[in-house]
C-alpha atoms as a PDB file:
ATOM      1  CA  MET A   1       0.000   0.000   0.000  1.00  0.00           C
ATOM      2  CA  HIS A   2       1.356   3.370  -0.926  1.00  0.00           C
ATOM      3  CA  ILE A   3      -0.534   5.298   1.737  1.00  0.00           C
ATOM      4  CA  GLN A   4       1.430   6.849   4.586  1.00  0.00           C
ATOM      5  CA  PRO A   5      -0.115   5.739   7.909  1.00  0.00           C
ATOM      6  CA  TYR A   6      -0.554   7.982  10.917  1.00  0.00           C
ATOM      7  CA  LYS A   7       2.109   7.767  13.618  1.00  0.00           C
ATOM      8  CA  LEU A   8       1.305   4.965  16.052  1.00  0.00           C
ATOM      9  CA  GLU A   9       2.020   4.861  19.768  1.00  0.00           C
ATOM     10  CA  HIS A  10       1.963   1.431  21.407  1.00  0.00           C
ATOM     11  CA  SER A  11       1.761  -0.159  24.830  1.00  0.00           C
ATOM     12  CA  THR A  12       4.741  -2.078  26.179  1.00  0.00           C
ATOM     13  CA  SER A  13       2.988  -5.360  25.301  1.00  0.00           C
ATOM     14  CA  ARG A  14       2.361  -4.068  21.772  1.00  0.00           C
ATOM     15  CA  ARG A  15      -1.250  -5.181  22.085  1.00  0.00           C
ATOM     16  CA  ARG A  16      -2.717  -1.667  22.234  1.00  0.00           C
ATOM     17  CA  TYR A  17      -2.022   1.120  19.737  1.00  0.00           C
ATOM     18  CA  ARG A  18      -3.142   4.705  19.604  1.00  0.00           C
ATOM     19  CA  PHE A  19      -3.112   7.343  16.892  1.00  0.00           C
ATOM     20  CA  THR A  20      -4.802  10.585  15.951  1.00  0.00           C
ATOM     21  CA  SER A  21      -6.853  10.886  12.793  1.00  0.00           C
ATOM     22  CA  GLU A  22      -6.183  14.392  11.519  1.00  0.00           C
ATOM     23  CA  GLY A  23      -8.703  14.233   8.707  1.00  0.00           C
ATOM     24  CA  THR A  24      -9.456  16.643   5.925  1.00  0.00           C
ATOM     25  CA  LYS A  25     -12.012  18.606   7.912  1.00  0.00           C
ATOM     26  CA  GLY A  26      -9.574  19.959  10.488  1.00  0.00           C
ATOM     27  CA  LEU A  27     -10.894  17.651  13.215  1.00  0.00           C
ATOM     28  CA  ASN A  28      -8.591  15.490  15.294  1.00  0.00           C
ATOM     29  CA  GLN A  29      -9.972  12.190  16.570  1.00  0.00           C
ATOM     30  CA  VAL A  30      -7.974   9.841  18.788  1.00  0.00           C
ATOM     31  CA  LYS A  31      -8.389   6.189  17.851  1.00  0.00           C
ATOM     32  CA  ILE A  32      -7.373   2.994  19.601  1.00  0.00           C
ATOM     33  CA  ILE A  33      -6.527  -0.407  18.151  1.00  0.00           C
ATOM     34  CA  GLU A  34      -6.429  -3.319  20.557  1.00  0.00           C
ATOM     35  CA  PHE A  35      -5.512  -6.975  20.111  1.00  0.00           C
ATOM     36  CA  TYR A  36      -6.876  -9.357  22.705  1.00  0.00           C
ATOM     37  CA  PRO A  37      -6.731 -13.143  22.868  1.00  0.00           C
ATOM     38  CA  ILE A  38      -9.809 -15.171  21.968  1.00  0.00           C
ATOM     39  CA  GLU A  39     -10.575 -18.872  21.930  1.00  0.00           C
ATOM     40  CA  ASN A  40     -10.261 -20.491  18.537  1.00  0.00           C
ATOM     41  CA  GLU A  41     -12.893 -23.146  19.245  1.00  0.00           C
ATOM     42  CA  ASP A  42     -15.281 -21.394  16.849  1.00  0.00           C
ATOM     43  CA  PHE A  43     -12.856 -21.696  13.942  1.00  0.00           C
ATOM     44  CA  ASP A  44     -11.421 -24.596  12.040  1.00  0.00           C
ATOM     45  CA  PHE A  45      -7.960 -23.352  12.869  1.00  0.00           C
ATOM     46  CA  PRO A  46      -4.993 -25.183  14.425  1.00  0.00           C
ATOM     47  CA  GLU A  47      -5.126 -25.010  18.225  1.00  0.00           C
ATOM     48  CA  ASN A  48      -1.416 -24.254  18.504  1.00  0.00           C
ATOM     49  CA  ILE A  49      -1.883 -20.887  16.755  1.00  0.00           C
ATOM     50  CA  PRO A  50      -2.756 -18.095  19.213  1.00  0.00           C
ATOM     51  CA  LEU A  51      -5.792 -16.184  17.993  1.00  0.00           C
ATOM     52  CA  PHE A  52      -6.378 -12.508  18.704  1.00  0.00           C
ATOM     53  CA  ASN A  53      -9.333 -10.248  18.017  1.00  0.00           C
ATOM     54  CA  LEU A  54      -8.642  -6.821  16.534  1.00  0.00           C
ATOM     55  CA  GLY A  55     -10.756  -4.163  18.229  1.00  0.00           C
ATOM     56  CA  PHE A  56     -10.729  -0.652  16.830  1.00  0.00           C
ATOM     57  CA  GLY A  57     -12.561   2.614  17.296  1.00  0.00           C
ATOM     58  CA  ASP A  58     -12.693   6.171  18.522  1.00  0.00           C
ATOM     59  CA  THR A  59     -11.916   7.150  22.093  1.00  0.00           C
ATOM     60  CA  LEU A  60     -12.730  10.243  24.078  1.00  0.00           C
ATOM     61  CA  ASP A  61     -10.853   9.340  27.252  1.00  0.00           C
ATOM     62  CA  GLY A  62      -7.977   7.253  25.872  1.00  0.00           C
ATOM     63  CA  ILE A  63      -9.328   4.128  27.555  1.00  0.00           C
ATOM     64  CA  GLU A  64     -12.816   3.232  26.344  1.00  0.00           C
ATOM     65  CA  VAL A  65     -13.185   2.375  22.649  1.00  0.00           C
ATOM     66  CA  ASN A  66     -16.349   3.093  20.686  1.00  0.00           C
ATOM     67  CA  ASP A  67     -16.286   0.755  17.682  1.00  0.00           C
ATOM     68  CA  LYS A  68     -19.563   2.129  16.325  1.00  0.00           C
ATOM     69  CA  ALA A  69     -18.526   5.797  16.229  1.00  0.00           C
ATOM     70  CA  ARG A  70     -18.518   7.491  12.828  1.00  0.00           C
ATOM     71  CA  SER A  71     -15.862  10.163  12.612  1.00  0.00           C
ATOM     72  CA  ASN A  72     -16.457  10.950   8.927  1.00  0.00           C
ATOM     73  CA  ASN A  73     -13.098  12.685   9.072  1.00  0.00           C
ATOM     74  CA  GLY A  74     -12.367  12.313   5.341  1.00  0.00           C
ATOM     75  CA  ASP A  75      -9.313  10.096   5.858  1.00  0.00           C
ATOM     76  CA  MET A  76     -10.775   6.580   5.828  1.00  0.00           C
ATOM     77  CA  GLU A  77      -8.009   5.001   3.737  1.00  0.00           C
ATOM     78  CA  ILE A  78      -5.275   6.547   5.888  1.00  0.00           C
ATOM     79  CA  VAL A  79      -7.038   5.290   9.023  1.00  0.00           C
ATOM     80  CA  LEU A  80      -7.371   1.774   7.575  1.00  0.00           C
ATOM     81  CA  ARG A  81      -3.734   1.864   6.459  1.00  0.00           C
ATOM     82  CA  THR A  82      -2.785   2.786  10.020  1.00  0.00           C
ATOM     83  CA  VAL A  83      -4.797  -0.163  11.351  1.00  0.00           C
ATOM     84  CA  ALA A  84      -2.994  -2.390   8.824  1.00  0.00           C
ATOM     85  CA  GLU A  85       0.318  -0.991  10.088  1.00  0.00           C
ATOM     86  CA  SER A  86      -0.646  -1.996  13.640  1.00  0.00           C
ATOM     87  CA  VAL A  87      -1.399  -5.519  12.378  1.00  0.00           C
ATOM     88  CA  GLU A  88       2.053  -5.677  10.797  1.00  0.00           C
ATOM     89  CA  LEU A  89       3.708  -4.462  14.003  1.00  0.00           C
ATOM     90  CA  PHE A  90       1.653  -6.819  16.179  1.00  0.00           C
ATOM     91  CA  LEU A  91       2.488  -9.829  14.016  1.00  0.00           C
ATOM     92  CA  THR A  92       6.171  -8.884  14.089  1.00  0.00           C
ATOM     93  CA  GLU A  93       5.991  -9.081  17.883  1.00  0.00           C
ATOM     94  CA  TYR A  94       3.742 -12.196  17.880  1.00  0.00           C
ATOM     95  CA  PRO A  95       4.720 -13.982  14.644  1.00  0.00           C
ATOM     96  CA  SER A  96       2.855 -17.220  15.375  1.00  0.00           C
ATOM     97  CA  ALA A  97      -0.453 -15.440  16.022  1.00  0.00           C
ATOM     98  CA  ALA A  98      -3.450 -15.001  13.754  1.00  0.00           C
ATOM     99  CA  ILE A  99      -5.822 -12.050  13.916  1.00  0.00           C
ATOM    100  CA  PHE A 100      -9.611 -12.191  13.653  1.00  0.00           C
ATOM    101  CA  PHE A 101     -11.522  -9.069  12.636  1.00  0.00           C
ATOM    102  CA  GLU A 102     -14.971  -8.081  11.488  1.00  0.00           C
ATOM    103  CA  GLY A 103     -16.822  -4.839  11.119  1.00  0.00           C
ATOM    104  CA  SER A 104     -18.985  -3.629  13.986  1.00  0.00           C
ATOM    105  CA  THR A 105     -21.729  -3.241  11.372  1.00  0.00           C
ATOM    106  CA  PRO A 106     -22.439  -5.006   8.059  1.00  0.00           C
ATOM    107  CA  SER A 107     -21.445  -1.862   6.140  1.00  0.00           C
ATOM    108  CA  ARG A 108     -18.051  -1.780   7.874  1.00  0.00           C
ATOM    109  CA  THR A 109     -17.494  -5.441   7.060  1.00  0.00           C
ATOM    110  CA  ARG A 110     -18.259  -4.608   3.408  1.00  0.00           C
ATOM    111  CA  LEU A 111     -15.777  -1.743   3.598  1.00  0.00           C
ATOM    112  CA  TYR A 112     -13.066  -4.076   4.953  1.00  0.00           C
ATOM    113  CA  ARG A 113     -13.803  -6.602   2.188  1.00  0.00           C
ATOM    114  CA  LYS A 114     -13.604  -3.816  -0.405  1.00  0.00           C
ATOM    115  CA  MET A 115     -10.258  -2.556   0.934  1.00  0.00           C
ATOM    116  CA  ILE A 116      -8.799  -6.092   1.104  1.00  0.00           C
ATOM    117  CA  ASN A 117      -9.850  -6.581  -2.522  1.00  0.00           C
ATOM    118  CA  LYS A 118      -8.349  -3.249  -3.547  1.00  0.00           C
ATOM    119  CA  TYR A 119      -4.984  -3.897  -1.884  1.00  0.00           C
ATOM    120  CA  TYR A 120      -4.931  -7.708  -2.071  1.00  0.00           C
ATOM    121  CA  GLU A 121      -1.812  -7.876  -4.238  1.00  0.00           C
ATOM    122  CA  ASP A 122       0.225  -5.907  -1.678  1.00  0.00           C
ATOM    123  CA  ILE A 123      -1.320  -7.574   1.391  1.00  0.00           C
ATOM    124  CA  SER A 124      -0.926 -11.127   0.103  1.00  0.00           C
ATOM    125  CA  LYS A 125       2.839 -10.752  -0.313  1.00  0.00           C
ATOM    126  CA  ASN A 126       3.316 -11.011   3.456  1.00  0.00           C
ATOM    127  CA  PHE A 127       0.011 -12.285   4.809  1.00  0.00           C
ATOM    128  CA  ILE A 128      -2.446 -15.121   4.333  1.00  0.00           C
ATOM    129  CA  ILE A 129      -6.061 -13.994   4.545  1.00  0.00           C
ATOM    130  CA  TRP A 130      -9.131 -16.105   5.131  1.00  0.00           C
ATOM    131  CA  GLY A 131     -12.717 -14.995   4.902  1.00  0.00           C
ATOM    132  CA  ILE A 132     -15.438 -16.435   7.090  1.00  0.00           C
ATOM    133  CA  TYR A 133     -18.801 -17.035   5.484  1.00  0.00           C
ATOM    134  CA  ASN A 134     -21.649 -18.951   7.158  1.00  0.00           C
ATOM    135  CA  ASP A 135     -19.231 -20.024   9.927  1.00  0.00           C
ATOM    136  CA  THR A 136     -16.868 -21.612   7.385  1.00  0.00           C
ATOM    137  CA  MET A 137     -13.340 -20.421   6.625  1.00  0.00           C
ATOM    138  CA  HIS A 138     -12.295 -19.903   3.007  1.00  0.00           C
ATOM    139  CA  LEU A 139      -8.928 -18.826   1.702  1.00  0.00           C
ATOM    140  CA  PHE A 140      -9.532 -15.255   0.570  1.00  0.00           C
ATOM    141  CA  GLN A 141      -9.671 -14.810  -3.169  1.00  0.00           C
ATOM    142  CA  PRO A 142     -10.058 -11.280  -4.535  1.00  0.00           C
ATOM    143  CA  ASN A 143     -13.379 -10.334  -6.075  1.00  0.00           C
ATOM    144  CA  THR A 144     -15.105 -13.528  -4.973  1.00  0.00           C
ATOM    145  CA  SER A 145     -18.881 -13.655  -4.863  1.00  0.00           C
ATOM    146  CA  LEU A 146     -18.789 -14.739  -1.204  1.00  0.00           C
ATOM    147  CA  ARG A 147     -19.826 -11.938   1.117  1.00  0.00           C
ATOM    148  CA  PHE A 148     -17.543 -12.675   4.047  1.00  0.00           C
ATOM    149  CA  ASP A 149     -18.816 -11.937   7.554  1.00  0.00           C
ATOM    150  CA  ALA A 150     -15.330 -11.740   9.094  1.00  0.00           C
ATOM    151  CA  PHE A 151     -11.671 -12.281   8.312  1.00  0.00           C
ATOM    152  CA  LEU A 152      -8.534 -13.949   9.665  1.00  0.00           C
ATOM    153  CA  VAL A 153      -5.008 -12.871   8.814  1.00  0.00           C
ATOM    154  CA  LYS A 154      -1.646 -14.486   9.529  1.00  0.00           C
ATOM    155  CA  GLN A 155       1.936 -13.805   8.507  1.00  0.00           C
ATOM    156  CA  ARG A 156       3.275 -16.011   5.726  1.00  0.00           C
END
């Protein structure tokens, strides 16, 4: 991806990241990305691979995350590139892990699918992506007719 991400700050565990969306409207919005462990019993995924959920959203106090907030700050692709950067950094620190993510709404899940399609060639160089549809994992193929409900990503 040829989009410059926002500068990320991270916790010592590198499981929590913070950045400020500067936007095109002159508004600054602090955002938090958090990776927390989840059970992989719901997925047909090897048990020896640690699975983490990616949580992401706006924050007003630097602690609580609102994953349904709509900033409409005019910088959506930069924000998503910054989230992707946090995934890269997290997986550098935890190379055996896989990350689960889904949109907090169906329209956000569609947006994620659209962005993965758009940047698939770049993403797939370093990462394996699966889509989850009807509780079944499928290796992600760009421009598929499946309307994935969620995604998994792992370093190659």
